Amino acid sequence: MFSEAVSIGREILQPVLFMGLLVMLCYQINRYIRERYGDDDPLDEALSSLAVSMDCSVYFIFCLSGQEWNLPREKIDFDFKRYLLFRQVPYYVRHFARRNLPGLFQTPRYERDLSHSSPSSGYNK
């Protein structure tokens, strides 16, 4: 019985080690890409700046931009949760930010320092 357990353990050990090495390799590649190319979306900081300038929350910006596109509340809520979890900004919020922060997308790789941009008071309709 013990020898059967050992033989099963040997059969399982190689695939488990392989999967572990594969996971570690993927983690290291992801880490390298983030360090090399950066993973910060300037729009994330810009949304916070826009919310402060409009004296509202980022969620309210999602709602405003979603209403302009006539999106249902469920879609807006789902996209906002995705934004909170994964920092993925949906297309309609990007469009809203482009119109209300005109200096945001002037350079090709968003090299402008967003903390010094001064959006107009209020928002454009």
Protein backbone atom coordinates (compact mmCIF):
# COMPACT_ATOMS: atom_id res chain seq x y z
CA MET A 1 0.00 0.00 0.00
CA PHE A 2 2.82 2.38 0.84
CA SER A 3 4.58 1.59 -2.42
CA GLU A 4 1.39 2.38 -4.34
CA ALA A 5 1.16 5.77 -2.66
CA VAL A 6 4.79 6.50 -3.48
CA SER A 7 4.33 5.54 -7.12
CA ILE A 8 1.22 7.75 -7.38
CA GLY A 9 3.16 10.57 -5.73
CA ARG A 10 5.93 10.25 -8.30
CA GLU A 11 3.42 10.37 -11.13
CA ILE A 12 1.82 13.53 -9.74
CA LEU A 13 5.03 15.26 -8.70
CA GLN A 14 6.34 16.04 -12.18
CA PRO A 15 3.16 17.73 -13.50
CA VAL A 16 2.78 19.67 -10.25
CA LEU A 17 6.37 20.90 -10.43
CA PHE A 18 5.93 21.79 -14.08
CA MET A 19 2.78 23.80 -13.35
CA GLY A 20 4.51 25.55 -10.45
CA LEU A 21 7.44 26.52 -12.65
CA LEU A 22 5.06 27.70 -15.36
CA VAL A 23 3.19 29.92 -12.87
CA MET A 24 6.46 31.37 -11.57
CA LEU A 25 7.62 32.06 -15.13
CA CYS A 26 4.37 33.86 -15.98
CA TYR A 27 4.64 35.92 -12.80
CA GLN A 28 8.22 36.94 -13.60
CA ILE A 29 7.33 37.90 -17.18
CA ASN A 30 4.39 39.97 -15.96
CA ARG A 31 6.59 41.68 -13.38
CA TYR A 32 9.25 42.41 -15.98
CA ILE A 33 6.72 43.94 -18.39
CA ARG A 34 5.26 46.12 -15.65
CA GLU A 35 8.68 47.36 -14.57
CA ARG A 36 9.87 47.90 -18.13
CA TYR A 37 6.84 49.54 -19.69
CA GLY A 38 4.84 50.65 -16.70
CA ASP A 39 1.26 49.72 -16.02
CA ASP A 40 -0.10 53.02 -14.81
CA ASP A 41 -2.88 54.41 -16.92
CA PRO A 42 -2.76 58.21 -16.76
CA LEU A 43 -6.52 58.22 -17.11
CA ASP A 44 -6.83 56.67 -13.66
CA GLU A 45 -5.23 59.71 -12.04
CA ALA A 46 -7.05 62.01 -14.44
CA LEU A 47 -10.42 60.61 -13.34
CA SER A 48 -9.57 61.48 -9.76
CA SER A 49 -8.49 64.98 -10.80
CA LEU A 50 -11.65 65.42 -12.83
CA ALA A 51 -13.78 64.27 -9.91
CA VAL A 52 -12.07 66.77 -7.60
CA SER A 53 -12.47 69.61 -10.10
CA MET A 54 -16.16 68.76 -10.57
CA ASP A 55 -16.63 68.26 -6.81
CA CYS A 56 -18.08 64.77 -7.28
CA SER A 57 -17.06 61.13 -7.08
CA VAL A 58 -15.52 58.97 -9.78
CA TYR A 59 -18.70 56.89 -9.69
CA PHE A 60 -20.70 60.01 -10.56
CA ILE A 61 -18.40 60.55 -13.56
CA PHE A 62 -19.15 56.98 -14.64
CA CYS A 63 -22.88 57.71 -14.30
CA LEU A 64 -22.64 60.99 -16.26
CA SER A 65 -20.64 59.46 -19.06
CA GLY A 66 -22.90 56.40 -19.19
CA GLN A 67 -26.00 58.57 -19.39
CA GLU A 68 -24.53 60.41 -22.38
CA TRP A 69 -24.23 57.06 -24.16
CA ASN A 70 -27.71 55.99 -22.96
CA LEU A 71 -26.31 52.95 -21.17
CA PRO A 72 -28.36 51.06 -18.59
CA ARG A 73 -27.47 51.49 -14.93
CA GLU A 74 -26.49 47.81 -14.66
CA LYS A 75 -23.80 48.25 -17.34
CA ILE A 76 -22.45 51.35 -15.60
CA ASP A 77 -22.34 49.56 -12.25
CA PHE A 78 -20.66 46.52 -13.79
CA ASP A 79 -18.03 48.67 -15.50
CA PHE A 80 -17.41 50.65 -12.32
CA LYS A 81 -16.80 47.42 -10.38
CA ARG A 82 -14.37 46.33 -13.10
CA TYR A 83 -12.66 49.70 -12.78
CA LEU A 84 -12.30 49.28 -9.02
CA LEU A 85 -10.95 45.74 -9.30
CA PHE A 86 -8.80 45.91 -12.42
CA ARG A 87 -8.44 49.64 -13.21
CA GLN A 88 -10.02 49.12 -16.64
CA VAL A 89 -11.61 52.34 -17.82
CA PRO A 90 -14.46 51.77 -20.32
CA TYR A 91 -14.69 53.57 -23.66
CA TYR A 92 -17.49 55.93 -22.69
CA VAL A 93 -15.61 57.19 -19.62
CA ARG A 94 -12.48 57.67 -21.74
CA HIS A 95 -14.53 59.72 -24.18
CA PHE A 96 -15.94 61.84 -21.35
CA ALA A 97 -12.45 62.39 -19.91
CA ARG A 98 -11.02 63.37 -23.32
CA ARG A 99 -13.62 66.08 -23.70
CA ASN A 100 -13.32 67.39 -20.16
CA LEU A 101 -9.55 67.19 -19.78
CA PRO A 102 -8.34 68.51 -23.14
CA GLY A 103 -4.64 68.41 -22.26
CA LEU A 104 -4.75 64.74 -21.30
CA PHE A 105 -4.20 63.17 -24.71
CA GLN A 106 -1.89 65.71 -26.34
CA THR A 107 1.24 63.58 -26.31
CA PRO A 108 1.50 60.10 -27.85
CA ARG A 109 2.31 58.14 -24.69
CA TYR A 110 0.53 60.48 -22.24
CA GLU A 111 3.86 61.84 -21.04
CA ARG A 112 2.32 65.02 -19.73
CA ASP A 113 2.22 65.35 -15.96
CA LEU A 114 -1.46 65.12 -15.20
CA SER A 115 -1.16 66.54 -11.71
CA HIS A 116 -0.44 69.97 -13.23
CA SER A 117 -3.26 69.95 -15.76
CA SER A 118 -6.02 72.36 -14.98
CA PRO A 119 -9.36 71.21 -16.35
CA SER A 120 -12.06 73.77 -16.89
CA SER A 121 -14.54 74.19 -14.10
CA GLY A 122 -17.59 72.01 -14.52
CA TYR A 123 -17.95 69.61 -17.38
CA ASN A 124 -18.65 70.00 -21.06
CA LYS A 125 -21.91 68.76 -22.46
